[in-house]
N, C-alpha and C. Protein backbone atom coordinates (compact mmCIF):
# COMPACT_ATOMS: atom_id res chain seq x y z
N MET A 1 0.85 -1.20 0.00
CA MET A 1 0.00 0.00 0.00
C MET A 1 0.88 1.25 0.00
N SER A 2 0.51 2.23 -0.84
CA SER A 2 1.28 3.46 -0.92
C SER A 2 1.09 4.30 0.34
N VAL A 3 2.01 5.23 0.55
CA VAL A 3 1.94 6.11 1.72
C VAL A 3 0.67 6.95 1.67
N VAL A 4 0.30 7.39 0.47
CA VAL A 4 -0.90 8.22 0.32
C VAL A 4 -2.14 7.46 0.76
N LYS A 5 -2.25 6.20 0.31
CA LYS A 5 -3.42 5.39 0.69
C LYS A 5 -3.43 5.10 2.19
N LEU A 6 -2.24 4.87 2.76
CA LEU A 6 -2.14 4.63 4.19
C LEU A 6 -2.63 5.84 4.98
N VAL A 7 -2.20 7.02 4.54
CA VAL A 7 -2.62 8.26 5.20
C VAL A 7 -4.14 8.42 5.09
N MET A 8 -4.68 8.09 3.93
CA MET A 8 -6.13 8.20 3.73
C MET A 8 -6.89 7.26 4.68
N TRP A 9 -6.38 6.04 4.85
CA TRP A 9 -7.02 5.09 5.75
C TRP A 9 -6.93 5.57 7.20
N VAL A 10 -5.79 6.11 7.56
CA VAL A 10 -5.59 6.62 8.92
C VAL A 10 -6.55 7.79 9.18
N PHE A 11 -6.68 8.67 8.21
CA PHE A 11 -7.59 9.81 8.35
C PHE A 11 -9.03 9.33 8.49
N ALA A 12 -9.41 8.35 7.66
CA ALA A 12 -10.77 7.81 7.72
C ALA A 12 -11.04 7.18 9.08
N ALA A 13 -10.07 6.45 9.61
CA ALA A 13 -10.22 5.82 10.92
C ALA A 13 -10.37 6.87 12.01
N TYR A 14 -9.59 7.94 11.89
CA TYR A 14 -9.68 9.03 12.87
C TYR A 14 -11.08 9.65 12.86
N ILE A 15 -11.62 9.88 11.66
CA ILE A 15 -12.96 10.47 11.54
C ILE A 15 -14.02 9.53 12.12
N ILE A 16 -13.87 8.23 11.87
CA ILE A 16 -14.80 7.26 12.45
C ILE A 16 -14.76 7.36 13.97
N GLY A 17 -13.56 7.54 14.51
CA GLY A 17 -13.41 7.68 15.95
C GLY A 17 -14.12 8.89 16.50
N ASN A 18 -14.35 9.89 15.66
CA ASN A 18 -15.03 11.12 16.08
C ASN A 18 -16.50 10.91 16.39
N ILE A 19 -17.08 9.82 15.89
CA ILE A 19 -18.49 9.53 16.16
C ILE A 19 -18.66 9.31 17.66
N SER A 20 -19.43 10.17 18.31
CA SER A 20 -19.57 10.09 19.77
C SER A 20 -21.03 9.89 20.17
N PRO A 21 -21.44 8.65 20.39
CA PRO A 21 -22.84 8.39 20.75
C PRO A 21 -23.27 9.06 22.04
N SER A 22 -22.39 9.14 23.02
CA SER A 22 -22.78 9.76 24.30
C SER A 22 -23.08 11.24 24.14
N ILE A 23 -22.31 11.92 23.30
CA ILE A 23 -22.55 13.35 23.06
C ILE A 23 -23.86 13.53 22.30
N LEU A 24 -24.08 12.71 21.28
CA LEU A 24 -25.30 12.81 20.47
C LEU A 24 -26.54 12.45 21.28
N LEU A 25 -26.45 11.40 22.10
CA LEU A 25 -27.58 11.01 22.94
C LEU A 25 -27.86 12.07 24.01
N GLY A 26 -26.80 12.69 24.49
CA GLY A 26 -26.96 13.76 25.47
C GLY A 26 -27.67 14.95 24.86
N LYS A 27 -27.27 15.31 23.65
CA LYS A 27 -27.92 16.44 22.96
C LYS A 27 -29.40 16.15 22.73
N ALA A 28 -29.73 14.90 22.44
CA ALA A 28 -31.13 14.52 22.23
C ALA A 28 -31.96 14.73 23.49
N GLN A 29 -31.28 14.68 24.64
CA GLN A 29 -31.96 14.89 25.92
C GLN A 29 -31.77 16.31 26.45
N GLY A 30 -31.12 17.14 25.64
CA GLY A 30 -30.86 18.51 26.06
C GLY A 30 -29.75 18.61 27.09
N ILE A 31 -28.84 17.64 27.08
CA ILE A 31 -27.75 17.60 28.05
C ILE A 31 -26.40 17.61 27.33
N ASP A 32 -25.49 18.44 27.82
CA ASP A 32 -24.12 18.45 27.30
C ASP A 32 -23.30 17.57 28.24
N ILE A 33 -23.06 16.33 27.84
CA ILE A 33 -22.39 15.37 28.71
C ILE A 33 -20.98 15.81 29.07
N LYS A 34 -20.39 16.68 28.25
CA LYS A 34 -19.04 17.16 28.53
C LYS A 34 -19.02 18.15 29.70
N LYS A 35 -20.23 18.58 30.10
CA LYS A 35 -20.33 19.52 31.23
C LYS A 35 -21.02 18.89 32.44
N GLU A 36 -21.31 17.59 32.34
CA GLU A 36 -22.00 16.89 33.42
C GLU A 36 -21.15 15.72 33.92
N GLY A 37 -21.35 15.36 35.17
CA GLY A 37 -20.61 14.23 35.74
C GLY A 37 -19.12 14.46 35.69
N SER A 38 -18.41 13.49 35.15
CA SER A 38 -16.95 13.60 35.03
C SER A 38 -16.53 14.44 33.83
N GLY A 39 -17.51 14.76 32.96
CA GLY A 39 -17.20 15.52 31.75
C GLY A 39 -16.64 14.65 30.64
N ASN A 40 -16.59 13.35 30.87
CA ASN A 40 -16.05 12.42 29.90
C ASN A 40 -17.13 11.88 28.98
N ALA A 41 -16.86 11.87 27.68
CA ALA A 41 -17.84 11.39 26.70
C ALA A 41 -17.67 9.89 26.47
N GLY A 42 -17.93 9.11 27.52
CA GLY A 42 -17.78 7.67 27.43
C GLY A 42 -18.91 6.93 28.12
N THR A 43 -18.77 5.62 28.19
CA THR A 43 -19.84 4.78 28.73
C THR A 43 -20.14 5.03 30.20
N THR A 44 -19.10 5.12 31.02
CA THR A 44 -19.32 5.29 32.46
C THR A 44 -20.06 6.57 32.77
N ASN A 45 -19.65 7.67 32.15
CA ASN A 45 -20.32 8.94 32.40
C ASN A 45 -21.72 8.95 31.79
N ALA A 46 -21.89 8.26 30.66
CA ALA A 46 -23.22 8.14 30.05
C ALA A 46 -24.16 7.41 31.00
N LEU A 47 -23.64 6.39 31.68
CA LEU A 47 -24.44 5.64 32.65
C LEU A 47 -24.90 6.55 33.79
N ARG A 48 -23.99 7.35 34.30
CA ARG A 48 -24.30 8.21 35.44
C ARG A 48 -25.21 9.38 35.05
N VAL A 49 -25.00 9.92 33.87
CA VAL A 49 -25.71 11.14 33.47
C VAL A 49 -26.96 10.86 32.64
N LEU A 50 -26.87 9.91 31.71
CA LEU A 50 -27.95 9.67 30.75
C LEU A 50 -28.77 8.42 31.03
N GLY A 51 -28.25 7.50 31.84
CA GLY A 51 -29.00 6.30 32.15
C GLY A 51 -28.46 5.04 31.49
N LYS A 52 -29.02 3.89 31.87
CA LYS A 52 -28.53 2.60 31.41
C LYS A 52 -28.66 2.39 29.90
N LYS A 53 -29.81 2.77 29.34
CA LYS A 53 -30.02 2.57 27.90
C LYS A 53 -28.99 3.33 27.08
N ALA A 54 -28.77 4.58 27.43
CA ALA A 54 -27.79 5.40 26.71
C ALA A 54 -26.39 4.83 26.89
N ALA A 55 -26.10 4.30 28.07
CA ALA A 55 -24.78 3.73 28.34
C ALA A 55 -24.54 2.49 27.48
N VAL A 56 -25.55 1.65 27.34
CA VAL A 56 -25.42 0.43 26.52
C VAL A 56 -25.21 0.80 25.06
N ILE A 57 -25.99 1.77 24.57
CA ILE A 57 -25.85 2.22 23.18
C ILE A 57 -24.47 2.80 22.95
N THR A 58 -24.01 3.61 23.90
CA THR A 58 -22.68 4.21 23.81
C THR A 58 -21.60 3.14 23.76
N LEU A 59 -21.69 2.16 24.64
CA LEU A 59 -20.71 1.08 24.69
C LEU A 59 -20.66 0.31 23.38
N VAL A 60 -21.81 -0.07 22.87
CA VAL A 60 -21.88 -0.88 21.65
C VAL A 60 -21.31 -0.12 20.45
N ILE A 61 -21.70 1.14 20.29
CA ILE A 61 -21.23 1.92 19.14
C ILE A 61 -19.74 2.21 19.25
N ASP A 62 -19.26 2.51 20.45
CA ASP A 62 -17.83 2.79 20.62
C ASP A 62 -16.99 1.55 20.30
N ILE A 63 -17.48 0.38 20.69
CA ILE A 63 -16.77 -0.86 20.35
C ILE A 63 -16.83 -1.12 18.85
N MET A 64 -18.02 -0.93 18.26
CA MET A 64 -18.21 -1.20 16.84
C MET A 64 -17.33 -0.32 15.95
N LYS A 65 -17.19 0.95 16.33
CA LYS A 65 -16.39 1.84 15.47
C LYS A 65 -14.91 1.45 15.49
N GLY A 66 -14.44 0.99 16.65
CA GLY A 66 -13.06 0.52 16.72
C GLY A 66 -12.87 -0.73 15.88
N PHE A 67 -13.81 -1.65 15.99
CA PHE A 67 -13.74 -2.91 15.24
C PHE A 67 -13.84 -2.65 13.74
N ALA A 68 -14.76 -1.79 13.34
CA ALA A 68 -14.99 -1.51 11.92
C ALA A 68 -13.78 -0.85 11.27
N ALA A 69 -13.20 0.13 11.94
CA ALA A 69 -12.06 0.86 11.37
C ALA A 69 -10.87 -0.07 11.14
N VAL A 70 -10.58 -0.91 12.11
CA VAL A 70 -9.43 -1.81 12.00
C VAL A 70 -9.71 -2.94 11.01
N SER A 71 -10.90 -3.49 11.05
CA SER A 71 -11.26 -4.56 10.11
C SER A 71 -11.16 -4.09 8.66
N ALA A 72 -11.66 -2.88 8.41
CA ALA A 72 -11.60 -2.33 7.05
C ALA A 72 -10.15 -2.10 6.63
N GLY A 73 -9.35 -1.58 7.55
CA GLY A 73 -7.94 -1.34 7.24
C GLY A 73 -7.21 -2.61 6.90
N MET A 74 -7.50 -3.68 7.63
CA MET A 74 -6.84 -4.96 7.37
C MET A 74 -7.35 -5.62 6.09
N TYR A 75 -8.64 -5.52 5.85
CA TYR A 75 -9.24 -6.17 4.68
C TYR A 75 -8.80 -5.51 3.37
N PHE A 76 -8.85 -4.19 3.35
CA PHE A 76 -8.52 -3.46 2.12
C PHE A 76 -7.05 -3.07 2.04
N GLY A 77 -6.35 -3.15 3.16
CA GLY A 77 -4.94 -2.79 3.18
C GLY A 77 -4.08 -3.96 3.61
N SER A 78 -3.55 -3.86 4.82
CA SER A 78 -2.66 -4.90 5.34
C SER A 78 -2.74 -4.91 6.86
N TYR A 79 -1.98 -5.81 7.46
CA TYR A 79 -1.92 -5.87 8.92
C TYR A 79 -1.43 -4.54 9.47
N LEU A 80 -0.39 -3.99 8.84
CA LEU A 80 0.15 -2.70 9.28
C LEU A 80 -0.91 -1.61 9.19
N THR A 81 -1.63 -1.58 8.08
CA THR A 81 -2.70 -0.59 7.91
C THR A 81 -3.72 -0.71 9.04
N GLY A 82 -4.12 -1.94 9.33
CA GLY A 82 -5.10 -2.16 10.38
C GLY A 82 -4.62 -1.72 11.74
N THR A 83 -3.37 -2.01 12.07
CA THR A 83 -2.86 -1.64 13.39
C THR A 83 -2.70 -0.13 13.54
N VAL A 84 -2.30 0.52 12.46
CA VAL A 84 -2.19 1.98 12.52
C VAL A 84 -3.59 2.60 12.62
N CYS A 85 -4.55 1.99 11.93
CA CYS A 85 -5.94 2.45 12.03
C CYS A 85 -6.47 2.29 13.46
N ALA A 86 -5.97 1.28 14.17
CA ALA A 86 -6.37 1.07 15.56
C ALA A 86 -6.00 2.29 16.40
N LEU A 87 -4.79 2.76 16.21
CA LEU A 87 -4.34 3.94 16.95
C LEU A 87 -5.11 5.18 16.50
N ALA A 88 -5.40 5.27 15.20
CA ALA A 88 -6.09 6.44 14.66
C ALA A 88 -7.53 6.54 15.16
N VAL A 89 -8.28 5.44 15.14
CA VAL A 89 -9.67 5.48 15.60
C VAL A 89 -9.72 5.72 17.11
N PHE A 90 -8.76 5.18 17.82
CA PHE A 90 -8.61 5.38 19.26
C PHE A 90 -8.39 6.86 19.57
N CYS A 91 -7.47 7.47 18.84
CA CYS A 91 -7.19 8.90 19.04
C CYS A 91 -8.37 9.76 18.60
N GLY A 92 -9.07 9.33 17.56
CA GLY A 92 -10.25 10.06 17.10
C GLY A 92 -11.33 10.10 18.15
N HIS A 93 -11.45 9.03 18.92
CA HIS A 93 -12.44 8.98 20.01
C HIS A 93 -12.03 9.91 21.16
N ILE A 94 -10.76 9.91 21.48
CA ILE A 94 -10.27 10.70 22.61
C ILE A 94 -10.16 12.18 22.27
N TRP A 95 -9.67 12.48 21.08
CA TRP A 95 -9.48 13.88 20.65
C TRP A 95 -10.25 14.15 19.36
N PRO A 96 -11.58 14.16 19.40
CA PRO A 96 -12.40 14.37 18.20
C PRO A 96 -12.38 15.83 17.72
N CYS A 97 -12.00 16.04 16.48
CA CYS A 97 -11.95 17.41 15.95
C CYS A 97 -13.33 18.03 15.86
N PHE A 98 -14.37 17.20 15.74
CA PHE A 98 -15.74 17.71 15.65
C PHE A 98 -16.27 18.23 16.99
N TYR A 99 -15.61 17.85 18.08
CA TYR A 99 -16.07 18.26 19.41
C TYR A 99 -14.95 18.95 20.19
N ARG A 100 -14.20 19.79 19.47
CA ARG A 100 -13.14 20.58 20.08
C ARG A 100 -12.11 19.72 20.81
N PHE A 101 -11.87 18.56 20.27
CA PHE A 101 -10.84 17.64 20.77
C PHE A 101 -11.07 17.18 22.21
N LYS A 102 -12.34 17.13 22.61
CA LYS A 102 -12.68 16.65 23.95
C LYS A 102 -13.65 15.48 23.82
N GLY A 103 -13.12 14.27 23.98
CA GLY A 103 -13.95 13.08 23.84
C GLY A 103 -13.89 12.18 25.05
N GLY A 104 -13.82 10.87 24.81
CA GLY A 104 -13.79 9.91 25.90
C GLY A 104 -12.37 9.48 26.23
N LYS A 105 -12.26 8.38 26.96
CA LYS A 105 -10.95 7.89 27.37
C LYS A 105 -10.46 6.72 26.51
N GLY A 106 -11.30 6.29 25.59
CA GLY A 106 -10.85 5.34 24.58
C GLY A 106 -10.89 3.86 24.92
N VAL A 107 -11.37 3.50 26.10
CA VAL A 107 -11.31 2.10 26.51
C VAL A 107 -12.18 1.19 25.64
N ALA A 108 -13.44 1.56 25.44
CA ALA A 108 -14.34 0.73 24.63
C ALA A 108 -13.90 0.68 23.17
N THR A 109 -13.48 1.82 22.63
CA THR A 109 -13.02 1.87 21.24
C THR A 109 -11.75 1.04 21.07
N ALA A 110 -10.87 1.11 22.06
CA ALA A 110 -9.65 0.30 22.02
C ALA A 110 -9.99 -1.19 22.02
N PHE A 111 -10.99 -1.57 22.82
CA PHE A 111 -11.40 -2.98 22.86
C PHE A 111 -11.88 -3.44 21.49
N GLY A 112 -12.69 -2.62 20.83
CA GLY A 112 -13.18 -2.97 19.51
C GLY A 112 -12.05 -3.11 18.51
N ALA A 113 -11.07 -2.22 18.60
CA ALA A 113 -9.91 -2.27 17.71
C ALA A 113 -9.09 -3.53 17.96
N ILE A 114 -8.87 -3.83 19.24
CA ILE A 114 -8.09 -5.02 19.61
C ILE A 114 -8.83 -6.29 19.17
N LEU A 115 -10.14 -6.28 19.28
CA LEU A 115 -10.95 -7.42 18.87
C LEU A 115 -10.73 -7.74 17.40
N ALA A 116 -10.57 -6.71 16.58
CA ALA A 116 -10.33 -6.91 15.15
C ALA A 116 -8.92 -7.42 14.88
N VAL A 117 -7.98 -7.06 15.73
CA VAL A 117 -6.59 -7.49 15.56
C VAL A 117 -6.42 -8.95 15.99
N ASN A 118 -6.93 -9.26 17.19
CA ASN A 118 -6.77 -10.61 17.73
C ASN A 118 -7.84 -10.83 18.80
N TRP A 119 -8.82 -11.66 18.49
CA TRP A 119 -9.95 -11.82 19.41
C TRP A 119 -9.53 -12.44 20.74
N GLN A 120 -8.50 -13.29 20.72
CA GLN A 120 -8.02 -13.89 21.96
C GLN A 120 -7.39 -12.83 22.87
N LEU A 121 -6.63 -11.93 22.27
CA LEU A 121 -6.04 -10.83 23.02
C LEU A 121 -7.12 -9.95 23.61
N ALA A 122 -8.16 -9.70 22.83
CA ALA A 122 -9.27 -8.86 23.29
C ALA A 122 -9.99 -9.49 24.48
N LEU A 123 -10.22 -10.80 24.41
CA LEU A 123 -10.92 -11.48 25.49
C LEU A 123 -10.08 -11.53 26.76
N MET A 124 -8.78 -11.71 26.63
CA MET A 124 -7.90 -11.69 27.80
C MET A 124 -7.89 -10.31 28.43
N GLU A 125 -7.84 -9.29 27.59
CA GLU A 125 -7.87 -7.91 28.10
C GLU A 125 -9.20 -7.63 28.79
N LEU A 126 -10.29 -8.11 28.20
CA LEU A 126 -11.61 -7.93 28.80
C LEU A 126 -11.67 -8.59 30.17
N ALA A 127 -11.07 -9.77 30.29
CA ALA A 127 -11.06 -10.49 31.56
C ALA A 127 -10.32 -9.70 32.64
N VAL A 128 -9.20 -9.11 32.27
CA VAL A 128 -8.41 -8.30 33.22
C VAL A 128 -9.21 -7.09 33.68
N VAL A 129 -9.82 -6.39 32.73
CA VAL A 129 -10.63 -5.21 33.07
C VAL A 129 -11.81 -5.61 33.95
N ALA A 130 -12.46 -6.72 33.61
CA ALA A 130 -13.61 -7.19 34.38
C ALA A 130 -13.23 -7.53 35.81
N ILE A 131 -12.08 -8.16 36.00
CA ILE A 131 -11.61 -8.49 37.35
C ILE A 131 -11.39 -7.22 38.16
N GLY A 132 -10.73 -6.24 37.54
CA GLY A 132 -10.50 -4.96 38.22
C GLY A 132 -11.79 -4.27 38.60
N LEU A 133 -12.77 -4.32 37.69
CA LEU A 133 -14.07 -3.69 37.93
C LEU A 133 -14.84 -4.41 39.03
N LEU A 134 -14.89 -5.73 38.97
CA LEU A 134 -15.67 -6.50 39.94
C LEU A 134 -15.09 -6.41 41.35
N VAL A 135 -13.77 -6.39 41.44
CA VAL A 135 -13.12 -6.32 42.76
C VAL A 135 -13.26 -4.93 43.37
N SER A 136 -13.07 -3.90 42.56
CA SER A 136 -13.07 -2.52 43.08
C SER A 136 -14.41 -1.81 42.96
N LYS A 137 -15.29 -2.32 42.08
CA LYS A 137 -16.57 -1.67 41.76
C LYS A 137 -16.34 -0.33 41.05
N ARG A 138 -15.15 -0.16 40.50
CA ARG A 138 -14.80 1.09 39.81
C ARG A 138 -14.25 0.77 38.42
N MET A 139 -14.88 1.33 37.39
CA MET A 139 -14.44 1.08 36.03
C MET A 139 -13.03 1.61 35.81
N SER A 140 -12.70 2.71 36.47
CA SER A 140 -11.37 3.30 36.30
C SER A 140 -10.28 2.32 36.71
N VAL A 141 -10.50 1.58 37.79
CA VAL A 141 -9.51 0.60 38.25
C VAL A 141 -9.34 -0.51 37.21
N GLY A 142 -10.46 -0.99 36.68
CA GLY A 142 -10.39 -2.01 35.64
C GLY A 142 -9.64 -1.53 34.41
N SER A 143 -9.91 -0.29 34.01
CA SER A 143 -9.27 0.28 32.82
C SER A 143 -7.77 0.46 33.03
N ILE A 144 -7.40 0.97 34.20
CA ILE A 144 -5.98 1.20 34.50
C ILE A 144 -5.23 -0.13 34.60
N LEU A 145 -5.85 -1.10 35.26
CA LEU A 145 -5.24 -2.43 35.37
C LEU A 145 -5.07 -3.06 34.00
N GLY A 146 -6.10 -2.94 33.17
CA GLY A 146 -6.04 -3.48 31.83
C GLY A 146 -4.93 -2.84 31.01
N ALA A 147 -4.80 -1.53 31.13
CA ALA A 147 -3.75 -0.81 30.40
C ALA A 147 -2.36 -1.22 30.89
N ALA A 148 -2.22 -1.39 32.19
CA ALA A 148 -0.92 -1.74 32.76
C ALA A 148 -0.44 -3.12 32.31
N LEU A 149 -1.38 -4.05 32.17
CA LEU A 149 -1.02 -5.42 31.79
C LEU A 149 -1.07 -5.67 30.29
N PHE A 150 -1.60 -4.72 29.53
CA PHE A 150 -1.78 -4.93 28.10
C PHE A 150 -0.49 -5.22 27.35
N PRO A 151 0.61 -4.51 27.62
CA PRO A 151 1.86 -4.83 26.91
C PRO A 151 2.29 -6.28 27.11
N LEU A 152 2.09 -6.81 28.32
CA LEU A 152 2.45 -8.20 28.59
C LEU A 152 1.57 -9.16 27.80
N LEU A 153 0.29 -8.82 27.71
CA LEU A 153 -0.64 -9.65 26.93
C LEU A 153 -0.27 -9.62 25.45
N CYS A 154 0.16 -8.45 24.98
CA CYS A 154 0.60 -8.33 23.57
C CYS A 154 1.82 -9.21 23.32
N LEU A 155 2.79 -9.17 24.24
CA LEU A 155 3.99 -10.00 24.10
C LEU A 155 3.63 -11.47 24.00
N TRP A 156 2.62 -11.86 24.73
CA TRP A 156 2.20 -13.25 24.79
C TRP A 156 1.38 -13.67 23.56
N LEU A 157 0.42 -12.84 23.18
CA LEU A 157 -0.55 -13.24 22.16
C LEU A 157 -0.42 -12.54 20.81
N GLU A 158 0.13 -11.33 20.78
CA GLU A 158 0.19 -10.58 19.51
C GLU A 158 1.40 -9.63 19.52
N PRO A 159 2.62 -10.18 19.42
CA PRO A 159 3.83 -9.36 19.48
C PRO A 159 3.88 -8.24 18.44
N GLY A 160 3.25 -8.47 17.28
CA GLY A 160 3.26 -7.47 16.22
C GLY A 160 2.50 -6.21 16.57
N PHE A 161 1.66 -6.29 17.60
CA PHE A 161 0.85 -5.14 18.01
C PHE A 161 1.46 -4.44 19.23
N LEU A 162 2.62 -4.91 19.67
CA LEU A 162 3.20 -4.43 20.93
C LEU A 162 3.46 -2.92 20.95
N LYS A 163 4.10 -2.40 19.90
CA LYS A 163 4.46 -0.98 19.90
C LYS A 163 3.23 -0.08 19.98
N ILE A 164 2.28 -0.32 19.09
CA ILE A 164 1.06 0.49 19.09
C ILE A 164 0.26 0.22 20.37
N GLY A 165 0.28 -1.02 20.82
CA GLY A 165 -0.42 -1.37 22.05
C GLY A 165 0.13 -0.62 23.25
N CYS A 166 1.45 -0.47 23.31
CA CYS A 166 2.07 0.27 24.41
C CYS A 166 1.67 1.74 24.38
N VAL A 167 1.61 2.31 23.18
CA VAL A 167 1.20 3.71 23.04
C VAL A 167 -0.24 3.88 23.52
N MET A 168 -1.11 3.00 23.09
CA MET A 168 -2.51 3.08 23.49
C MET A 168 -2.68 2.90 25.00
N ALA A 169 -1.94 1.95 25.57
CA ALA A 169 -2.01 1.70 27.01
C ALA A 169 -1.54 2.92 27.79
N LEU A 170 -0.46 3.54 27.33
CA LEU A 170 0.06 4.74 28.01
C LEU A 170 -0.95 5.87 27.96
N ILE A 171 -1.59 6.05 26.81
CA ILE A 171 -2.59 7.11 26.68
C ILE A 171 -3.77 6.86 27.62
N VAL A 172 -4.20 5.61 27.72
CA VAL A 172 -5.31 5.28 28.63
C VAL A 172 -4.96 5.65 30.06
N VAL A 173 -3.75 5.32 30.49
CA VAL A 173 -3.33 5.66 31.86
C VAL A 173 -3.28 7.17 32.05
N ILE A 174 -2.74 7.88 31.07
CA ILE A 174 -2.66 9.34 31.16
C ILE A 174 -4.06 9.95 31.23
N LYS A 175 -4.98 9.43 30.44
CA LYS A 175 -6.36 9.94 30.46
C LYS A 175 -7.07 9.64 31.78
N HIS A 176 -6.54 8.72 32.55
CA HIS A 176 -7.13 8.38 33.85
C HIS A 176 -6.38 9.03 35.01
N ARG A 177 -5.54 10.01 34.73
CA ARG A 177 -4.75 10.61 35.82
C ARG A 177 -5.62 11.25 36.90
N ALA A 178 -6.75 11.86 36.50
CA ALA A 178 -7.65 12.45 37.50
C ALA A 178 -8.27 11.35 38.36
N ASN A 179 -8.60 10.22 37.73
CA ASN A 179 -9.15 9.08 38.47
C ASN A 179 -8.12 8.54 39.46
N ILE A 180 -6.87 8.50 39.03
CA ILE A 180 -5.80 8.01 39.90
C ILE A 180 -5.66 8.90 41.12
N ARG A 181 -5.74 10.22 40.91
CA ARG A 181 -5.66 11.14 42.05
C ARG A 181 -6.82 10.92 43.01
N ARG A 182 -8.03 10.71 42.46
CA ARG A 182 -9.19 10.47 43.32
C ARG A 182 -9.09 9.14 44.05
N LEU A 183 -8.53 8.14 43.39
CA LEU A 183 -8.35 6.84 44.03
C LEU A 183 -7.39 6.95 45.21
N ILE A 184 -6.33 7.70 45.02
CA ILE A 184 -5.36 7.89 46.10
C ILE A 184 -6.00 8.59 47.30
N LYS A 185 -6.90 9.54 47.00
CA LYS A 185 -7.58 10.28 48.06
C LYS A 185 -8.80 9.55 48.61
N GLY A 186 -9.16 8.43 47.97
CA GLY A 186 -10.34 7.68 48.39
C GLY A 186 -11.64 8.36 47.98
N GLU A 187 -11.59 9.15 46.91
CA GLU A 187 -12.75 9.92 46.47
C GLU A 187 -13.34 9.44 45.15
N GLU A 188 -12.80 8.37 44.59
CA GLU A 188 -13.30 7.87 43.30
C GLU A 188 -14.64 7.16 43.50
N PRO A 189 -15.72 7.62 42.85
CA PRO A 189 -17.04 6.99 43.03
C PRO A 189 -17.11 5.59 42.43
N LYS A 190 -17.94 4.76 43.03
CA LYS A 190 -18.15 3.42 42.50
C LYS A 190 -19.09 3.49 41.30
N MET A 191 -18.90 2.60 40.36
CA MET A 191 -19.66 2.64 39.11
C MET A 191 -21.14 2.36 39.33
N PHE A 192 -21.45 1.43 40.21
CA PHE A 192 -22.84 1.02 40.39
C PHE A 192 -23.47 1.57 41.65
N ALA A 193 -22.79 2.55 42.29
CA ALA A 193 -23.35 3.13 43.50
C ALA A 193 -24.46 4.10 43.15
N LYS A 194 -25.37 4.31 44.09
CA LYS A 194 -26.44 5.27 43.89
C LYS A 194 -25.86 6.67 43.85
N LYS A 195 -26.56 7.59 43.16
CA LYS A 195 -26.08 8.95 43.03
C LYS A 195 -25.85 9.59 44.39
N GLU A 196 -26.76 9.31 45.36
CA GLU A 196 -26.64 9.92 46.67
C GLU A 196 -25.36 9.48 47.35
N GLU A 197 -25.01 8.19 47.18
CA GLU A 197 -23.80 7.65 47.79
C GLU A 197 -22.57 8.28 47.20
N ASN A 198 -22.55 8.46 45.86
CA ASN A 198 -21.41 9.07 45.20
C ASN A 198 -21.27 10.53 45.58
N ASN A 199 -22.38 11.21 45.74
CA ASN A 199 -22.34 12.62 46.08
C ASN A 199 -21.80 12.87 47.47
N GLU A 200 -21.89 11.86 48.34
CA GLU A 200 -21.41 12.01 49.70
C GLU A 200 -19.89 11.96 49.76
N LYS A 201 -19.26 11.44 48.70
CA LYS A 201 -17.81 11.28 48.70
C LYS A 201 -17.12 12.49 48.11
């Protein structure tokens, strides 16, 4: 594949990443999700601000766009094209040009992208995140744990994705720096706690 075509695929993947269901669903309800809750345009904040239905829709679409961008890149291009598209769609979700570069934290979109690269790697990553979530009752802990262990999982199951995987994992941790500060202070709200309980913290 020529450099021009590769750039075109990367740009297309980035634009796909710009699709933000939580922002669109929030607007439909007259709510700017970027100004409510944590201000994050992702599944967890959609759950807290918009409700369960909106959260499920957000999760599914965010995963699908990651999967679609990488699958298309691999099918019409190559493995390299697909892996670079993984980073592009991931960055498009986090820094969407259509929403002043303020999006989500990329966890669901990253999962969709990883699923297209290697489904076994994706399931192992999902298991790690799920364990962190179930033990702590906090999605942030699951996401941070998943990011921390992802390079090791790549080495084991998909060495060719290691470099881009490390970049994505680092970005996820950086995007969770506010969560890390709250965790240290004991102020990070639980994902499934009632609003009143979270407000007391």
